[in-house]
Every structure is written in structure tokens, then in C-alpha cells.
Amino acid sequence: MKIRKLTLRILFWILTVIFVIVLFIAAFALLSFIQGKLFLPQDYILWTFNYPVSRLVFIFELYFIFVFFRNSVSAFINFAKRNKKWFYPVFAFANLLLVYAVLFNVSVITKNVIINHTFFLPQGQVYNYSDIVSIDTGVYTKKRYLPYTHSNGEFYYIITLKDGTTINLNDSIGGTQNNQDVYEVFEEIDKTLVNMGIKKISKIETFQDFDKHIDKIYADRIRNVLENVK
């Protein structure tokens, strides 16, 4: 009997984890779909979530996990009822603010311009390629990994704009036109920017830390980007 209860409990938690993962992926996909409809012009070539605000999405993941802890949920509901005069408005406002911050946090790269949507500029700030003052690219090499930060072996491609704004084009990729391979897109963008004479700092020595599990064709494209310096 004890073995049966233990088996059922383990099965419950496995199914719970699967459900939470599926629910989180579905929510993330819905968010991406809405952002795509709102922000992507027909001539876009790549778009990305902006760091660090993009990491706030994990709060929704915590929500999904939290509902499966009955004792915690009961305590939360009781607390909310006791303080409903201020708690409900504050909780609703905080979550609306969170959704707004995450939603309007997108950079779009087109064939001619960069459109940066932020919390304070939801309509987007438009930059020409000529507004890019520098490029910093390489592979993160830190040995310690904290959740929702950048991990060891992750490729980065950071552009700095004339007003000091920085955008990591490979932080959280939203998508590319016609699902073109993202590393091929980086090759094309990089060739265009370097040919314009934009200052580029490339840490080619960090390539050895690039994810070893990635296919050679994609690794070669990243190497091409890192080696493309004039």
C-alpha cells in the first residue's frame, strides 16, 4: 500500500512538472505571437527580447509552480482575503505592469533600421545602421551559471547605439524572417555592419568555449562572425 501511494505521488509530481512546462511554453508562445503581430514590419529580418527585462517572464513560471502547493495557496488566499482592500488592486496593478514591461520589450532588425521598443517608448525608437557606434561579440566564458542570466558557452552579439543604448541581438531570439537560420542571419548582418566601417571588438579566443553540442555548420557560422574583423 505504501509503495502504491509513493508511486502515485511520484507520478503526480512528474505530471505536474510536465504540465507546468507545457503551460509555460504555451504562455511564452502566446506572448511571442502577440509581440509578432504588434511589432514586426514586413521587411524584418530578426527580432529579439531585450535583456534583462526578458527574464521577468520567469515570474509567470513561478506562478504556475506555486498553484500546486496547496498549503501555500491556502495561506495566500487567506492573506488576500484579510487584506483585500489593498491587496487585490496592488496585485492586479503589479501584474498588469509586469505584462506591459515584458510585452513592450522588443528589438526588431530590418534591412535598413533597428526599432527598439521599451517600457518608456512602446511605440519604438528607430535607429539607422549608421547610428551603431560599436559591436562587441564573443562567447560568454563565466564558469558559474545563475538561472535566467547568461550561461557559459553562449554566443553574444551586442551593438551600442549613439545614445548609449545596448542591445544583445542573440539574447532571447524571437524569430527570423521565413524561419531562416539565426546564425546565417548573424553572418549577413555582421558583414553589412563591418563593411560600413563600424568599430568591432571580437573575442575570437572565446570561441573555444562555444557550446560543443551544436552542429558544425552553425559553429562555423559563429566562427565566421568572430573572425570577420577589418
Protein backbone atom coordinates (compact mmCIF):
# COMPACT_ATOMS: atom_id res chain seq x y z
CA MET A 1 0.00 0.00 0.00
CA LYS A 2 2.81 2.38 0.91
CA ILE A 3 4.60 1.58 -2.33
CA ARG A 4 1.43 2.30 -4.28
CA LYS A 5 0.97 5.67 -2.55
CA LEU A 6 4.61 6.54 -3.17
CA THR A 7 4.26 5.57 -6.84
CA LEU A 8 1.12 7.69 -7.22
CA ARG A 9 2.82 10.63 -5.52
CA ILE A 10 5.85 10.39 -7.81
CA LEU A 11 3.56 10.09 -10.85
CA PHE A 12 1.61 13.14 -9.69
CA TRP A 13 4.75 15.26 -9.42
CA ILE A 14 6.05 14.08 -12.78
CA LEU A 15 2.75 15.01 -14.41
CA THR A 16 2.77 18.30 -12.52
CA VAL A 17 6.21 19.19 -13.82
CA ILE A 18 5.22 18.27 -17.38
CA PHE A 19 2.04 20.33 -17.09
CA VAL A 20 3.90 23.36 -15.75
CA ILE A 21 6.46 23.15 -18.56
CA VAL A 22 3.77 22.82 -21.23
CA LEU A 23 1.76 25.67 -19.72
CA PHE A 24 4.83 27.91 -19.56
CA ILE A 25 5.78 27.14 -23.17
CA ALA A 26 2.20 27.86 -24.26
CA ALA A 27 2.21 31.20 -22.40
CA PHE A 28 5.59 32.12 -23.88
CA ALA A 29 4.38 31.19 -27.37
CA LEU A 30 1.27 33.34 -26.90
CA LEU A 31 3.42 36.27 -25.77
CA SER A 32 5.69 35.86 -28.81
CA PHE A 33 2.67 35.67 -31.11
CA ILE A 34 1.23 38.92 -29.72
CA GLN A 35 4.59 40.67 -29.97
CA GLY A 36 4.99 39.47 -33.54
CA LYS A 37 1.62 40.87 -34.52
CA LEU A 38 2.26 44.18 -32.79
CA PHE A 39 5.84 44.97 -33.70
CA LEU A 40 7.06 43.16 -36.81
CA PRO A 41 7.12 45.07 -40.12
CA GLN A 42 7.07 43.10 -43.35
CA ASP A 43 10.78 43.67 -44.01
CA TYR A 44 12.07 42.49 -40.63
CA ILE A 45 14.93 40.00 -40.64
CA LEU A 46 15.31 39.26 -36.91
CA TRP A 47 13.70 40.22 -33.62
CA THR A 48 14.67 39.64 -30.03
CA PHE A 49 13.51 40.09 -26.42
CA ASN A 50 15.63 42.64 -24.59
CA TYR A 51 17.69 41.67 -21.53
CA PRO A 52 17.26 41.94 -18.56
CA VAL A 53 13.50 42.63 -18.70
CA SER A 54 13.01 39.47 -20.77
CA ARG A 55 13.96 37.44 -17.68
CA LEU A 56 10.87 38.69 -15.84
CA VAL A 57 8.93 36.04 -17.75
CA PHE A 58 10.19 33.55 -15.16
CA ILE A 59 7.79 35.13 -12.61
CA PHE A 60 4.89 33.62 -14.53
CA GLU A 61 6.66 30.27 -14.34
CA LEU A 62 6.76 30.63 -10.57
CA TYR A 63 3.02 31.32 -10.61
CA PHE A 64 2.39 28.05 -12.43
CA ILE A 65 4.51 26.14 -9.95
CA PHE A 66 3.02 27.88 -6.92
CA VAL A 67 -0.58 26.74 -7.58
CA PHE A 68 0.40 23.11 -6.98
CA PHE A 69 1.43 23.73 -3.37
CA ARG A 70 -1.93 23.54 -1.64
CA ASN A 71 -0.78 24.80 1.76
CA SER A 72 0.92 27.83 0.23
CA VAL A 73 -2.10 28.58 -1.97
CA SER A 74 -4.44 28.38 1.01
CA ALA A 75 -2.21 30.72 3.03
CA PHE A 76 -2.02 33.10 0.07
CA ILE A 77 -5.82 33.14 -0.38
CA ASN A 78 -6.40 33.73 3.34
CA PHE A 79 -3.88 36.58 3.35
CA ALA A 80 -5.53 38.10 0.26
CA LYS A 81 -9.00 37.92 1.86
CA ARG A 82 -7.81 39.54 5.08
CA ASN A 83 -6.20 42.41 3.14
CA LYS A 84 -8.49 42.57 0.13
CA LYS A 85 -8.95 46.35 0.28
CA TRP A 86 -5.38 46.99 -0.76
CA PHE A 87 -4.08 43.58 -1.86
CA TYR A 88 -6.29 42.97 -4.90
CA PRO A 89 -5.68 46.39 -6.50
CA VAL A 90 -1.94 46.20 -5.84
CA PHE A 91 -1.66 42.61 -7.09
CA ALA A 92 -3.66 43.38 -10.24
CA PHE A 93 -1.67 46.56 -10.94
CA ALA A 94 1.67 44.81 -10.36
CA ASN A 95 0.80 42.03 -12.78
CA LEU A 96 -0.53 44.42 -15.43
CA LEU A 97 2.73 46.35 -15.09
CA LEU A 98 4.69 43.10 -15.41
CA VAL A 99 2.82 42.05 -18.56
CA TYR A 100 3.28 45.52 -20.06
CA ALA A 101 7.01 45.56 -19.27
CA VAL A 102 7.57 42.13 -20.84
CA LEU A 103 5.35 42.79 -23.84
CA PHE A 104 6.92 46.12 -24.80
CA ASN A 105 10.47 44.88 -24.62
CA VAL A 106 11.40 44.01 -28.19
CA SER A 107 14.09 44.98 -30.67
CA VAL A 108 13.42 44.48 -34.38
CA ILE A 109 16.13 44.41 -37.03
CA THR A 110 15.04 45.21 -40.59
CA LYS A 111 17.09 45.57 -43.76
CA ASN A 112 17.60 49.26 -43.05
CA VAL A 113 16.83 50.16 -39.46
CA ILE A 114 16.67 48.95 -35.87
CA ILE A 115 13.46 49.54 -33.91
CA ASN A 116 13.82 49.35 -30.15
CA HIS A 117 10.56 49.04 -28.15
CA THR A 118 10.90 49.66 -24.41
CA PHE A 119 8.81 50.31 -21.31
CA PHE A 120 9.00 54.08 -21.78
CA LEU A 121 8.93 54.03 -25.59
CA PRO A 122 6.34 51.38 -26.52
CA GLN A 123 5.97 52.88 -29.99
CA GLY A 124 9.65 52.18 -30.57
CA GLN A 125 12.79 54.24 -31.13
CA VAL A 126 14.04 53.97 -34.71
CA TYR A 127 17.78 53.86 -35.41
CA ASN A 128 19.62 53.67 -38.71
CA TYR A 129 22.51 51.25 -39.09
CA SER A 130 24.74 54.33 -39.16
CA ASP A 131 23.66 55.04 -35.56
CA ILE A 132 25.57 51.95 -34.40
CA VAL A 133 28.86 53.11 -32.89
CA SER A 134 30.34 49.75 -31.92
CA ILE A 135 29.91 45.98 -31.91
CA ASP A 136 31.06 43.65 -29.15
CA THR A 137 30.87 39.94 -29.91
CA GLY A 138 32.19 36.70 -28.48
CA VAL A 139 31.18 33.82 -26.24
CA TYR A 140 30.39 34.07 -22.54
CA THR A 141 33.03 32.23 -20.55
CA LYS A 142 31.94 32.56 -16.92
CA LYS A 143 32.06 29.24 -15.12
CA ARG A 144 29.21 29.81 -12.68
CA TYR A 145 25.70 29.88 -14.06
CA LEU A 146 22.81 31.59 -12.33
CA PRO A 147 19.28 30.89 -13.60
CA TYR A 148 17.92 33.43 -16.10
CA THR A 149 21.32 35.01 -16.71
CA HIS A 150 23.83 34.33 -19.48
CA SER A 151 25.45 30.92 -19.49
CA ASN A 152 28.94 29.72 -20.27
CA GLY A 153 29.33 28.94 -23.99
CA GLU A 154 26.56 31.28 -25.12
CA PHE A 155 27.26 33.45 -28.17
CA TYR A 156 26.59 37.18 -27.80
CA TYR A 157 26.42 40.00 -30.34
CA ILE A 158 26.00 43.36 -28.62
CA ILE A 159 25.55 46.58 -30.54
CA THR A 160 25.94 50.01 -28.94
CA LEU A 161 23.92 52.86 -30.40
CA LYS A 162 24.77 56.55 -30.49
CA ASP A 163 22.59 57.34 -27.43
CA GLY A 164 24.31 54.66 -25.34
CA THR A 165 21.60 52.01 -25.79
CA THR A 166 22.99 48.48 -25.96
CA ILE A 167 21.19 45.51 -27.49
CA ASN A 168 22.34 41.90 -27.44
CA LEU A 169 20.91 40.57 -30.69
CA ASN A 170 21.40 36.98 -29.55
CA ASP A 171 19.95 37.22 -26.07
CA SER A 172 16.43 35.81 -26.47
CA ILE A 173 15.68 35.41 -30.16
CA GLY A 174 12.03 35.86 -31.02
CA GLY A 175 12.35 34.72 -34.61
CA THR A 176 13.65 35.38 -38.10
CA GLN A 177 12.01 36.05 -41.44
CA ASN A 178 10.81 32.77 -43.01
CA ASN A 179 12.49 30.89 -40.14
CA GLN A 180 15.91 31.47 -41.66
CA ASP A 181 18.75 30.02 -39.61
CA VAL A 182 19.56 32.65 -37.00
CA TYR A 183 23.33 32.18 -37.29
CA GLU A 184 23.12 32.69 -41.04
CA VAL A 185 21.24 35.92 -40.32
CA PHE A 186 24.04 36.99 -37.96
CA GLU A 187 26.57 36.37 -40.71
CA GLU A 188 24.63 38.61 -43.08
CA ILE A 189 24.05 41.39 -40.54
CA ASP A 190 27.67 41.27 -39.42
CA LYS A 191 29.01 41.55 -42.98
CA THR A 192 26.81 44.59 -43.59
CA LEU A 193 27.87 46.37 -40.40
CA VAL A 194 31.58 45.59 -40.70
CA ASN A 195 31.59 46.74 -44.33
CA MET A 196 30.16 50.06 -43.09
CA GLY A 197 33.32 50.51 -41.04
CA ILE A 198 31.64 50.20 -37.64
CA LYS A 199 34.10 49.54 -34.82
CA LYS A 200 34.02 45.88 -33.82
CA ILE A 201 35.56 44.12 -30.83
CA SER A 202 35.61 40.38 -31.42
CA LYS A 203 36.84 38.00 -28.75
CA ILE A 204 37.76 35.14 -31.09
CA GLU A 205 39.72 33.42 -28.32
CA THR A 206 36.45 32.70 -26.50
CA PHE A 207 35.18 30.57 -29.39
CA GLN A 208 36.72 27.50 -27.73
CA ASP A 209 34.05 27.84 -25.03
CA PHE A 210 31.19 27.81 -27.54
CA ASP A 211 28.60 25.09 -27.00
CA LYS A 212 30.28 21.88 -28.15
CA HIS A 213 26.97 20.17 -28.80
CA ILE A 214 25.94 22.44 -31.65
CA ASP A 215 26.21 21.21 -35.25
CA LYS A 216 29.41 22.11 -37.08
CA ILE A 217 27.59 24.16 -39.73
CA TYR A 218 26.25 26.52 -37.06
CA ALA A 219 29.54 26.64 -35.15
CA ASP A 220 31.33 27.57 -38.39
CA ARG A 221 28.94 30.46 -38.92
CA ILE A 222 29.66 31.79 -35.44
CA ARG A 223 33.39 31.45 -36.12
CA ASN A 224 32.91 33.40 -39.35
CA VAL A 225 31.23 36.21 -37.41
CA LEU A 226 34.01 36.30 -34.82
CA GLU A 227 36.75 36.28 -37.46
CA ASN A 228 35.14 38.99 -39.61
CA VAL A 229 37.16 41.97 -38.42
CA LYS A 230 38.75 44.65 -40.57
